[in-house]
């Protein structure tokens, strides 16, 4: 098995990870693994953003309006 080291995490984020792990009865390492597997899929088949959006429940009263702002021309 491979190992992954994640550096420069904020103490607040580590605390949230530990709390989440404790709520689920797992170690922080096991919770980290579970989060990565859920995000990326155990076999590289994690959901992409499109699948995430399609999986959201519909809201009948939701009305989205497109902004009339078309941006501005930019020359590169």
PDB file of N, CA and C in Angstrom:
ATOM      1  N   UNK A   1       0.832  -1.189   0.000  1.00  0.00           N
ATOM      2  CA  UNK A   1       0.000   0.000   0.000  1.00  0.00           C
ATOM      3  C   UNK A   1       0.873   1.247   0.000  1.00  0.00           C
ATOM      4  N   UNK A   2       0.428   2.249  -0.674  1.00  0.00           N
ATOM      5  CA  UNK A   2       1.132   3.527  -0.720  1.00  0.00           C
ATOM      6  C   UNK A   2       0.760   4.386   0.471  1.00  0.00           C
ATOM      7  N   UNK A   3       1.601   5.361   0.718  1.00  0.00           N
ATOM      8  CA  UNK A   3       1.339   6.307   1.792  1.00  0.00           C
ATOM      9  C   UNK A   3       1.236   7.697   1.206  1.00  0.00           C
ATOM     10  N   UNK A   4       0.504   8.543   1.901  1.00  0.00           N
ATOM     11  CA  UNK A   4       0.327   9.916   1.470  1.00  0.00           C
ATOM     12  C   UNK A   4       0.544  10.824   2.670  1.00  0.00           C
ATOM     13  N   UNK A   5       1.403  11.790   2.516  1.00  0.00           N
ATOM     14  CA  UNK A   5       1.651  12.755   3.581  1.00  0.00           C
ATOM     15  C   UNK A   5       1.083  14.088   3.126  1.00  0.00           C
ATOM     16  N   UNK A   6       0.267  14.687   3.966  1.00  0.00           N
ATOM     17  CA  UNK A   6      -0.335  15.979   3.654  1.00  0.00           C
ATOM     18  C   UNK A   6       0.227  16.991   4.647  1.00  0.00           C
ATOM     19  N   UNK A   7       0.937  17.961   4.133  1.00  0.00           N
ATOM     20  CA  UNK A   7       1.579  18.951   4.988  1.00  0.00           C
ATOM     21  C   UNK A   7       0.808  20.267   4.971  1.00  0.00           C
ATOM     22  N   UNK A   8       1.136  21.095   5.942  1.00  0.00           N
ATOM     23  CA  UNK A   8       0.627  22.464   6.035  1.00  0.00           C
ATOM     24  C   UNK A   8      -0.891  22.552   6.157  1.00  0.00           C
ATOM     25  N   UNK A   9      -1.483  21.630   6.889  1.00  0.00           N
ATOM     26  CA  UNK A   9      -2.913  21.709   7.177  1.00  0.00           C
ATOM     27  C   UNK A   9      -3.117  22.628   8.363  1.00  0.00           C
ATOM     28  N   UNK A  10      -4.193  23.380   8.327  1.00  0.00           N
ATOM     29  CA  UNK A  10      -4.471  24.264   9.453  1.00  0.00           C
ATOM     30  C   UNK A  10      -4.903  23.410  10.653  1.00  0.00           C
ATOM     31  N   UNK A  11      -4.559  23.831  11.846  1.00  0.00           N
ATOM     32  CA  UNK A  11      -4.984  23.094  13.042  1.00  0.00           C
ATOM     33  C   UNK A  11      -6.500  22.948  13.121  1.00  0.00           C
ATOM     34  N   UNK A  12      -7.204  23.958  12.621  1.00  0.00           N
ATOM     35  CA  UNK A  12      -8.672  23.898  12.630  1.00  0.00           C
ATOM     36  C   UNK A  12      -9.188  22.759  11.746  1.00  0.00           C
ATOM     37  N   UNK A  13      -8.578  22.583  10.582  1.00  0.00           N
ATOM     38  CA  UNK A  13      -8.980  21.509   9.677  1.00  0.00           C
ATOM     39  C   UNK A  13      -8.685  20.139  10.285  1.00  0.00           C
ATOM     40  N   UNK A  14      -7.531  20.001  10.911  1.00  0.00           N
ATOM     41  CA  UNK A  14      -7.168  18.732  11.561  1.00  0.00           C
ATOM     42  C   UNK A  14      -8.151  18.422  12.684  1.00  0.00           C
ATOM     43  N   UNK A  15      -8.536  19.442  13.434  1.00  0.00           N
ATOM     44  CA  UNK A  15      -9.507  19.250  14.518  1.00  0.00           C
ATOM     45  C   UNK A  15     -10.852  18.789  13.961  1.00  0.00           C
ATOM     46  N   UNK A  16     -11.262  19.392  12.847  1.00  0.00           N
ATOM     47  CA  UNK A  16     -12.534  18.979  12.222  1.00  0.00           C
ATOM     48  C   UNK A  16     -12.458  17.540  11.737  1.00  0.00           C
ATOM     49  N   UNK A  17     -11.307  17.145  11.188  1.00  0.00           N
ATOM     50  CA  UNK A  17     -11.123  15.768  10.734  1.00  0.00           C
ATOM     51  C   UNK A  17     -11.206  14.802  11.912  1.00  0.00           C
ATOM     52  N   UNK A  18     -10.531  15.140  12.996  1.00  0.00           N
ATOM     53  CA  UNK A  18     -10.566  14.272  14.180  1.00  0.00           C
ATOM     54  C   UNK A  18     -11.962  14.165  14.764  1.00  0.00           C
ATOM     55  N   UNK A  19     -12.682  15.284  14.790  1.00  0.00           N
ATOM     56  CA  UNK A  19     -14.051  15.263  15.315  1.00  0.00           C
ATOM     57  C   UNK A  19     -14.948  14.397  14.435  1.00  0.00           C
ATOM     58  N   UNK A  20     -14.828  14.573  13.133  1.00  0.00           N
ATOM     59  CA  UNK A  20     -15.632  13.772  12.199  1.00  0.00           C
ATOM     60  C   UNK A  20     -15.310  12.287  12.341  1.00  0.00           C
ATOM     61  N   UNK A  21     -14.036  11.976  12.496  1.00  0.00           N
ATOM     62  CA  UNK A  21     -13.621  10.576  12.669  1.00  0.00           C
ATOM     63  C   UNK A  21     -14.203  10.003  13.948  1.00  0.00           C
ATOM     64  N   UNK A  22     -14.146  10.761  15.026  1.00  0.00           N
ATOM     65  CA  UNK A  22     -14.680  10.286  16.309  1.00  0.00           C
ATOM     66  C   UNK A  22     -16.182  10.040  16.220  1.00  0.00           C
ATOM     67  N   UNK A  23     -16.897  10.912  15.514  1.00  0.00           N
ATOM     68  CA  UNK A  23     -18.346  10.741  15.342  1.00  0.00           C
ATOM     69  C   UNK A  23     -18.672   9.451  14.602  1.00  0.00           C
ATOM     70  N   UNK A  24     -17.764   9.000  13.764  1.00  0.00           N
ATOM     71  CA  UNK A  24     -17.993   7.787  12.975  1.00  0.00           C
ATOM     72  C   UNK A  24     -17.277   6.568  13.556  1.00  0.00           C
ATOM     73  N   UNK A  25     -16.619   6.770  14.699  1.00  0.00           N
ATOM     74  CA  UNK A  25     -15.941   5.658  15.358  1.00  0.00           C
ATOM     75  C   UNK A  25     -14.714   5.167  14.616  1.00  0.00           C
ATOM     76  N   UNK A  26     -14.012   6.078  13.948  1.00  0.00           N
ATOM     77  CA  UNK A  26     -12.821   5.704  13.196  1.00  0.00           C
ATOM     78  C   UNK A  26     -11.640   6.550  13.647  1.00  0.00           C
ATOM     79  N   UNK A  27     -10.476   6.105  13.253  1.00  0.00           N
ATOM     80  CA  UNK A  27      -9.282   6.919  13.484  1.00  0.00           C
ATOM     81  C   UNK A  27      -9.267   8.052  12.459  1.00  0.00           C
ATOM     82  N   UNK A  28      -8.468   9.076  12.721  1.00  0.00           N
ATOM     83  CA  UNK A  28      -8.351  10.182  11.776  1.00  0.00           C
ATOM     84  C   UNK A  28      -7.804   9.670  10.442  1.00  0.00           C
ATOM     85  N   UNK A  29      -6.886   8.727  10.495  1.00  0.00           N
ATOM     86  CA  UNK A  29      -6.318   8.168   9.263  1.00  0.00           C
ATOM     87  C   UNK A  29      -7.381   7.426   8.458  1.00  0.00           C
ATOM     88  N   UNK A  30      -8.207   6.631   9.143  1.00  0.00           N
ATOM     89  CA  UNK A  30      -9.269   5.899   8.450  1.00  0.00           C
ATOM     90  C   UNK A  30     -10.297   6.862   7.863  1.00  0.00           C
ATOM     91  N   UNK A  31     -10.576   7.939   8.587  1.00  0.00           N
ATOM     92  CA  UNK A  31     -11.523   8.933   8.078  1.00  0.00           C
ATOM     93  C   UNK A  31     -10.950   9.648   6.854  1.00  0.00           C
ATOM     94  N   UNK A  32      -9.672   9.949   6.900  1.00  0.00           N
ATOM     95  CA  UNK A  32      -8.990  10.574   5.762  1.00  0.00           C
ATOM     96  C   UNK A  32      -9.093   9.668   4.538  1.00  0.00           C
ATOM     97  N   UNK A  33      -8.852   8.369   4.735  1.00  0.00           N
ATOM     98  CA  UNK A  33      -8.974   7.399   3.642  1.00  0.00           C
ATOM     99  C   UNK A  33     -10.395   7.386   3.085  1.00  0.00           C
ATOM    100  N   UNK A  34     -11.391   7.387   3.989  1.00  0.00           N
ATOM    101  CA  UNK A  34     -12.794   7.336   3.560  1.00  0.00           C
ATOM    102  C   UNK A  34     -13.175   8.575   2.760  1.00  0.00           C
ATOM    103  N   UNK A  35     -12.676   9.731   3.182  1.00  0.00           N
ATOM    104  CA  UNK A  35     -12.963  10.973   2.461  1.00  0.00           C
ATOM    105  C   UNK A  35     -12.359  10.925   1.061  1.00  0.00           C
ATOM    106  N   UNK A  36     -11.119  10.466   0.960  1.00  0.00           N
ATOM    107  CA  UNK A  36     -10.471  10.374  -0.349  1.00  0.00           C
ATOM    108  C   UNK A  36     -11.179   9.373  -1.257  1.00  0.00           C
ATOM    109  N   UNK A  37     -11.570   8.232  -0.705  1.00  0.00           N
ATOM    110  CA  UNK A  37     -12.275   7.229  -1.513  1.00  0.00           C
ATOM    111  C   UNK A  37     -13.623   7.744  -1.979  1.00  0.00           C
ATOM    112  N   UNK A  38     -14.333   8.481  -1.107  1.00  0.00           N
ATOM    113  CA  UNK A  38     -15.632   9.039  -1.497  1.00  0.00           C
ATOM    114  C   UNK A  38     -15.467  10.098  -2.577  1.00  0.00           C
ATOM    115  N   UNK A  39     -14.414  10.897  -2.478  1.00  0.00           N
ATOM    116  CA  UNK A  39     -14.198  11.971  -3.453  1.00  0.00           C
ATOM    117  C   UNK A  39     -13.689  11.448  -4.782  1.00  0.00           C
ATOM    118  N   UNK A  40     -12.798  10.479  -4.737  1.00  0.00           N
ATOM    119  CA  UNK A  40     -12.144  10.017  -5.955  1.00  0.00           C
ATOM    120  C   UNK A  40     -12.581   8.635  -6.405  1.00  0.00           C
ATOM    121  N   UNK A  41     -13.264   7.922  -5.550  1.00  0.00           N
ATOM    122  CA  UNK A  41     -13.677   6.570  -5.869  1.00  0.00           C
ATOM    123  C   UNK A  41     -12.547   5.598  -5.615  1.00  0.00           C
ATOM    124  N   UNK A  42     -12.878   4.460  -5.076  1.00  0.00           N
ATOM    125  CA  UNK A  42     -11.859   3.465  -4.742  1.00  0.00           C
ATOM    126  C   UNK A  42     -11.117   3.000  -5.989  1.00  0.00           C
ATOM    127  N   UNK A  43     -11.807   2.979  -7.133  1.00  0.00           N
ATOM    128  CA  UNK A  43     -11.184   2.518  -8.380  1.00  0.00           C
ATOM    129  C   UNK A  43     -11.086   3.646  -9.405  1.00  0.00           C
ATOM    130  N   UNK A  44     -10.987   4.881  -8.924  1.00  0.00           N
ATOM    131  CA  UNK A  44     -10.912   6.000  -9.839  1.00  0.00           C
ATOM    132  C   UNK A  44     -12.238   6.329 -10.489  1.00  0.00           C
ATOM    133  N   UNK A  45     -13.332   5.890  -9.876  1.00  0.00           N
ATOM    134  CA  UNK A  45     -14.654   6.109 -10.453  1.00  0.00           C
ATOM    135  C   UNK A  45     -15.466   7.090  -9.625  1.00  0.00           C
ATOM    136  N   UNK A  46     -14.801   8.027  -8.976  1.00  0.00           N
ATOM    137  CA  UNK A  46     -15.509   9.016  -8.168  1.00  0.00           C
ATOM    138  C   UNK A  46     -16.430   9.870  -9.024  1.00  0.00           C
ATOM    139  N   UNK A  47     -17.411  10.452  -8.381  1.00  0.00           N
ATOM    140  CA  UNK A  47     -18.355  11.286  -9.117  1.00  0.00           C
ATOM    141  C   UNK A  47     -17.683  12.587  -9.538  1.00  0.00           C
ATOM    142  N   UNK A  48     -17.976  13.016 -10.737  1.00  0.00           N
ATOM    143  CA  UNK A  48     -17.469  14.310 -11.157  1.00  0.00           C
ATOM    144  C   UNK A  48     -18.517  15.372 -10.817  1.00  0.00           C
ATOM    145  N   UNK A  49     -18.210  16.621 -11.096  1.00  0.00           N
ATOM    146  CA  UNK A  49     -19.091  17.719 -10.720  1.00  0.00           C
ATOM    147  C   UNK A  49     -20.450  17.599 -11.401  1.00  0.00           C
ATOM    148  N   UNK A  50     -20.467  17.163 -12.646  1.00  0.00           N
ATOM    149  CA  UNK A  50     -21.732  16.995 -13.368  1.00  0.00           C
ATOM    150  C   UNK A  50     -22.620  15.972 -12.667  1.00  0.00           C
ATOM    151  N   UNK A  51     -22.042  14.831 -12.291  1.00  0.00           N
ATOM    152  CA  UNK A  51     -22.807  13.811 -11.582  1.00  0.00           C
ATOM    153  C   UNK A  51     -23.310  14.327 -10.241  1.00  0.00           C
ATOM    154  N   UNK A  52     -22.477  15.126  -9.566  1.00  0.00           N
ATOM    155  CA  UNK A  52     -22.880  15.724  -8.299  1.00  0.00           C
ATOM    156  C   UNK A  52     -24.113  16.602  -8.493  1.00  0.00           C
ATOM    157  N   UNK A  53     -24.065  17.446  -9.513  1.00  0.00           N
ATOM    158  CA  UNK A  53     -25.205  18.332  -9.762  1.00  0.00           C
ATOM    159  C   UNK A  53     -26.452  17.552 -10.156  1.00  0.00           C
ATOM    160  N   UNK A  54     -26.287  16.551 -11.002  1.00  0.00           N
ATOM    161  CA  UNK A  54     -27.440  15.750 -11.423  1.00  0.00           C
ATOM    162  C   UNK A  54     -28.037  14.959 -10.258  1.00  0.00           C
ATOM    163  N   UNK A  55     -27.225  14.670  -9.249  1.00  0.00           N
ATOM    164  CA  UNK A  55     -27.713  13.921  -8.097  1.00  0.00           C
ATOM    165  C   UNK A  55     -28.450  14.761  -7.076  1.00  0.00           C
ATOM    166  N   UNK A  56     -28.428  16.070  -7.263  1.00  0.00           N
ATOM    167  CA  UNK A  56     -29.122  16.947  -6.314  1.00  0.00           C
ATOM    168  C   UNK A  56     -30.628  16.867  -6.539  1.00  0.00           C
ATOM    169  N   UNK A  57     -31.407  16.886  -5.459  1.00  0.00           N
ATOM    170  CA  UNK A  57     -32.865  16.834  -5.637  1.00  0.00           C
ATOM    171  C   UNK A  57     -33.373  18.124  -6.281  1.00  0.00           C
ATOM    172  N   UNK A  58     -34.416  17.990  -7.078  1.00  0.00           N
ATOM    173  CA  UNK A  58     -35.002  19.149  -7.754  1.00  0.00           C
ATOM    174  C   UNK A  58     -35.804  19.975  -6.757  1.00  0.00           C
ATOM    175  N   UNK A  59     -35.820  21.253  -6.957  1.00  0.00           N
ATOM    176  CA  UNK A  59     -36.616  22.159  -6.139  1.00  0.00           C
ATOM    177  C   UNK A  59     -37.613  22.834  -7.056  1.00  0.00           C
ATOM    178  N   UNK A  60     -38.915  22.513  -6.929  1.00  0.00           N
ATOM    179  CA  UNK A  60     -39.897  23.047  -7.876  1.00  0.00           C
ATOM    180  C   UNK A  60     -39.987  24.573  -7.867  1.00  0.00           C
ATOM    181  N   UNK A  61     -39.718  25.211  -6.728  1.00  0.00           N
ATOM    182  CA  UNK A  61     -39.840  26.660  -6.656  1.00  0.00           C
ATOM    183  C   UNK A  61     -38.580  27.409  -7.036  1.00  0.00           C
ATOM    184  N   UNK A  62     -37.537  26.691  -7.384  1.00  0.00           N
ATOM    185  CA  UNK A  62     -36.266  27.333  -7.684  1.00  0.00           C
ATOM    186  C   UNK A  62     -36.281  27.942  -9.085  1.00  0.00           C
ATOM    187  N   UNK A  63     -35.963  29.215  -9.168  1.00  0.00           N
ATOM    188  CA  UNK A  63     -35.879  29.900 -10.451  1.00  0.00           C
ATOM    189  C   UNK A  63     -34.506  30.537 -10.551  1.00  0.00           C
ATOM    190  N   UNK A  64     -33.754  30.150 -11.535  1.00  0.00           N
ATOM    191  CA  UNK A  64     -32.430  30.719 -11.747  1.00  0.00           C
ATOM    192  C   UNK A  64     -32.492  31.663 -12.932  1.00  0.00           C
ATOM    193  N   UNK A  65     -31.957  32.835 -12.755  1.00  0.00           N
ATOM    194  CA  UNK A  65     -31.946  33.813 -13.829  1.00  0.00           C
ATOM    195  C   UNK A  65     -30.519  34.072 -14.265  1.00  0.00           C
ATOM    196  N   UNK A  66     -30.339  34.145 -15.543  1.00  0.00           N
ATOM    197  CA  UNK A  66     -29.021  34.421 -16.089  1.00  0.00           C
ATOM    198  C   UNK A  66     -28.752  35.921 -16.037  1.00  0.00           C
ATOM    199  N   UNK A  67     -27.561  36.251 -15.663  1.00  0.00           N
ATOM    200  CA  UNK A  67     -27.159  37.649 -15.613  1.00  0.00           C
ATOM    201  C   UNK A  67     -27.146  38.230 -17.013  1.00  0.00           C
ATOM    202  N   UNK A  68     -27.578  39.482 -17.137  1.00  0.00           N
ATOM    203  CA  UNK A  68     -27.549  40.151 -18.437  1.00  0.00           C
ATOM    204  C   UNK A  68     -26.145  40.615 -18.800  1.00  0.00           C
ATOM    205  N   UNK A  69     -25.276  40.618 -17.818  1.00  0.00           N
ATOM    206  CA  UNK A  69     -23.893  41.021 -18.044  1.00  0.00           C
ATOM    207  C   UNK A  69     -23.206  39.984 -18.923  1.00  0.00           C
ATOM    208  N   UNK A  70     -22.732  40.373 -20.065  1.00  0.00           N
ATOM    209  CA  UNK A  70     -22.056  39.466 -20.987  1.00  0.00           C
ATOM    210  C   UNK A  70     -20.544  39.592 -20.886  1.00  0.00           C
ATOM    211  N   UNK A  71     -20.072  40.292 -19.878  1.00  0.00           N
ATOM    212  CA  UNK A  71     -18.634  40.455 -19.709  1.00  0.00           C
ATOM    213  C   UNK A  71     -18.106  41.570 -20.594  1.00  0.00           C
ATOM    214  N   UNK A  72     -16.837  41.555 -20.809  1.00  0.00           N
ATOM    215  CA  UNK A  72     -16.219  42.574 -21.648  1.00  0.00           C
ATOM    216  C   UNK A  72     -15.209  41.912 -22.556  1.00  0.00           C
ATOM    217  N   UNK A  73     -14.900  42.586 -23.657  1.00  0.00           N
ATOM    218  CA  UNK A  73     -13.922  42.053 -24.588  1.00  0.00           C
ATOM    219  C   UNK A  73     -12.521  42.248 -24.006  1.00  0.00           C
ATOM    220  N   UNK A  74     -11.717  41.255 -24.197  1.00  0.00           N
ATOM    221  CA  UNK A  74     -10.337  41.295 -23.699  1.00  0.00           C
ATOM    222  C   UNK A  74      -9.417  40.937 -24.853  1.00  0.00           C
ATOM    223  N   UNK A  75      -8.386  41.718 -25.014  1.00  0.00           N
ATOM    224  CA  UNK A  75      -7.407  41.365 -26.035  1.00  0.00           C
ATOM    225  C   UNK A  75      -6.188  40.764 -25.323  1.00  0.00           C
ATOM    226  N   UNK A  76      -5.733  39.655 -25.826  1.00  0.00           N
ATOM    227  CA  UNK A  76      -4.597  38.964 -25.223  1.00  0.00           C
ATOM    228  C   UNK A  76      -3.353  39.129 -26.068  1.00  0.00           C
TER     229      UNK A  76
END
